[in-house]
């Protein structure tokens, strides 16, 4: 049976949002952003990974689960699709990171994502540069069977 769980994170854009990183996307509880943080698209988040719902964590921690992040700013949105993994701890209290690679640390929300910051819709990024509010919907999909990522040699 398919199980779908959704949680929501609220954050804010910042004048220094560049979204030029080629391998990651980050949302953080930090209240500042320097130009060097080119993967960060949202600051002042109301949640880190530690704070997302236990039901969502359970789905994301299953090998072969699908993780979707939908970013909404005003009337623009973009989404990223990646994979969950039993290796994810989802324990960082201040940030979440979406990764194209299979690298895992306590801030990793998903691995093998189809997009990084540089791939996000530039209209959405332009709104974030104007310090607009950002809503991130995190959706975990458990297809009801364990599926191990092929070639996951990390």
Protein backbone atom coordinates (compact mmCIF):
# COMPACT_ATOMS: atom_id res chain seq x y z
CA UNK A 1 0.00 0.00 0.00
CA UNK A 2 1.27 3.49 -0.84
CA UNK A 3 1.75 5.88 2.07
CA UNK A 4 2.08 9.64 1.55
CA UNK A 5 3.03 12.06 4.34
CA UNK A 6 3.36 15.86 4.05
CA UNK A 7 4.93 18.51 6.29
CA UNK A 8 5.43 22.23 5.77
CA UNK A 9 8.32 24.56 6.54
CA UNK A 10 8.11 28.35 6.41
CA UNK A 11 11.17 30.48 5.67
CA UNK A 12 12.16 33.80 4.09
CA UNK A 13 14.18 34.90 1.13
CA UNK A 14 17.13 37.27 1.44
CA UNK A 15 18.84 39.82 -0.78
CA UNK A 16 21.90 37.53 -0.97
CA UNK A 17 20.03 34.50 -2.35
CA UNK A 18 22.05 33.48 -5.41
CA UNK A 19 21.02 29.83 -5.89
CA UNK A 20 24.04 29.01 -8.05
CA UNK A 21 25.19 25.82 -6.30
CA UNK A 22 25.37 22.84 -8.64
CA UNK A 23 24.86 20.00 -6.17
CA UNK A 24 22.72 21.15 -3.23
CA UNK A 25 19.78 23.27 -2.03
CA UNK A 26 19.60 24.44 1.58
CA UNK A 27 17.00 26.05 3.84
CA UNK A 28 18.22 27.18 7.27
CA UNK A 29 17.00 28.62 10.57
CA UNK A 30 19.91 31.09 10.47
CA UNK A 31 18.79 34.72 10.25
CA UNK A 32 21.56 35.85 7.89
CA UNK A 33 22.99 34.90 4.50
CA UNK A 34 26.33 35.91 3.01
CA UNK A 35 26.95 35.87 -0.75
CA UNK A 36 29.10 32.75 -0.25
CA UNK A 37 26.01 30.71 0.72
CA UNK A 38 25.07 30.03 -2.88
CA UNK A 39 23.06 26.90 -2.09
CA UNK A 40 20.83 28.62 0.49
CA UNK A 41 17.43 29.73 -0.77
CA UNK A 42 15.65 30.34 2.54
CA UNK A 43 16.57 31.65 5.98
CA UNK A 44 14.73 32.10 9.29
CA UNK A 45 13.03 28.73 8.80
CA UNK A 46 10.54 27.68 11.44
CA UNK A 47 11.86 24.10 11.37
CA UNK A 48 15.02 22.13 10.84
CA UNK A 49 15.01 18.43 9.94
CA UNK A 50 14.79 17.52 13.61
CA UNK A 51 11.39 19.26 13.76
CA UNK A 52 9.60 17.57 10.86
CA UNK A 53 6.85 15.12 11.73
CA UNK A 54 7.84 11.65 12.98
CA UNK A 55 5.55 10.07 10.35
CA UNK A 56 7.37 11.90 7.56
CA UNK A 57 10.76 10.89 8.98
CA UNK A 58 9.64 7.26 9.04
CA UNK A 59 8.77 7.38 5.32
CA UNK A 60 11.94 9.28 4.30
CA UNK A 61 14.13 6.79 6.16
CA UNK A 62 12.91 3.87 4.05
CA UNK A 63 15.22 2.72 1.27
CA UNK A 64 13.54 3.41 -2.03
CA UNK A 65 11.14 6.03 -0.71
CA UNK A 66 10.50 9.08 -2.85
CA UNK A 67 10.95 12.56 -1.40
CA UNK A 68 9.49 15.65 -3.05
CA UNK A 69 10.15 19.24 -1.98
CA UNK A 70 7.84 21.89 -3.41
CA UNK A 71 9.05 25.50 -3.06
CA UNK A 72 6.33 28.15 -3.22
CA UNK A 73 6.95 31.92 -3.35
CA UNK A 74 4.01 34.17 -4.18
CA UNK A 75 2.50 32.73 -7.36
CA UNK A 76 5.65 30.82 -8.41
CA UNK A 77 6.67 27.31 -7.50
CA UNK A 78 9.27 24.72 -8.35
CA UNK A 79 9.84 21.20 -7.10
CA UNK A 80 12.64 18.73 -6.57
CA UNK A 81 12.34 14.96 -6.51
CA UNK A 82 14.84 12.68 -4.83
CA UNK A 83 15.21 9.56 -2.76
CA UNK A 84 14.98 8.72 0.88
CA UNK A 85 17.36 6.27 2.54
CA UNK A 86 17.74 4.24 5.71
CA UNK A 87 21.08 6.06 6.14
CA UNK A 88 19.38 9.42 6.76
CA UNK A 89 19.30 10.56 10.39
CA UNK A 90 17.20 13.71 9.78
CA UNK A 91 18.56 15.02 13.08
CA UNK A 92 19.85 18.51 12.28
CA UNK A 93 17.93 21.10 14.26
CA UNK A 94 18.77 24.12 12.13
CA UNK A 95 18.74 23.21 8.44
CA UNK A 96 17.81 20.84 5.65
CA UNK A 97 19.87 20.05 2.59
CA UNK A 98 18.78 18.48 -0.68
CA UNK A 99 21.63 16.67 -2.43
CA UNK A 100 22.15 15.47 -6.00
CA UNK A 101 24.76 13.02 -4.71
CA UNK A 102 24.41 10.13 -2.30
CA UNK A 103 26.28 11.97 0.47
CA UNK A 104 24.54 11.79 3.85
CA UNK A 105 24.98 13.84 7.00
CA UNK A 106 22.58 14.94 9.76
CA UNK A 107 21.18 17.78 7.59
CA UNK A 108 20.44 15.67 4.47
CA UNK A 109 16.73 15.59 3.57
CA UNK A 110 17.07 13.61 0.34
CA UNK A 111 19.73 12.13 -1.90
CA UNK A 112 19.94 11.63 -5.68
CA UNK A 113 17.81 14.73 -6.24
CA UNK A 114 16.97 15.75 -9.79
CA UNK A 115 17.83 19.43 -9.17
CA UNK A 116 20.23 21.67 -7.26
CA UNK A 117 19.91 25.37 -6.47
CA UNK A 118 21.14 26.45 -9.90
CA UNK A 119 18.31 24.49 -11.57
CA UNK A 120 15.47 26.23 -9.73
CA UNK A 121 13.10 28.55 -11.60
CA UNK A 122 14.79 31.96 -11.75
CA UNK A 123 11.44 33.77 -11.29
CA UNK A 124 11.12 32.06 -7.92
CA UNK A 125 14.72 32.98 -7.04
CA UNK A 126 14.13 36.62 -8.07
CA UNK A 127 11.22 36.78 -5.62
CA UNK A 128 13.37 35.29 -2.88
CA UNK A 129 15.97 38.02 -3.48
CA UNK A 130 13.22 40.49 -2.54
CA UNK A 131 12.95 38.77 0.88
CA UNK A 132 9.59 37.19 0.08
CA UNK A 133 8.19 34.41 2.27
CA UNK A 134 8.99 30.86 1.19
CA UNK A 135 6.85 27.80 1.90
CA UNK A 136 8.44 24.39 1.50
CA UNK A 137 6.16 21.37 1.32
CA UNK A 138 8.02 18.14 2.00
CA UNK A 139 6.27 15.04 0.75
CA UNK A 140 7.41 11.53 1.55
CA UNK A 141 6.10 8.66 -0.56
CA UNK A 142 6.46 5.06 0.57
CA UNK A 143 5.56 2.73 -2.28
CA UNK A 144 5.15 -0.15 0.14
CA UNK A 145 8.28 -2.05 -0.77
CA UNK A 146 11.95 -1.59 -0.02
CA UNK A 147 13.92 -0.51 -3.05
CA UNK A 148 17.65 -0.05 -2.73
CA UNK A 149 19.21 2.58 -4.97
CA UNK A 150 21.30 0.98 -7.69
CA UNK A 151 24.89 2.09 -7.64
CA UNK A 152 24.55 3.67 -4.21
CA UNK A 153 28.19 3.11 -3.37
CA UNK A 154 28.62 6.05 -1.02
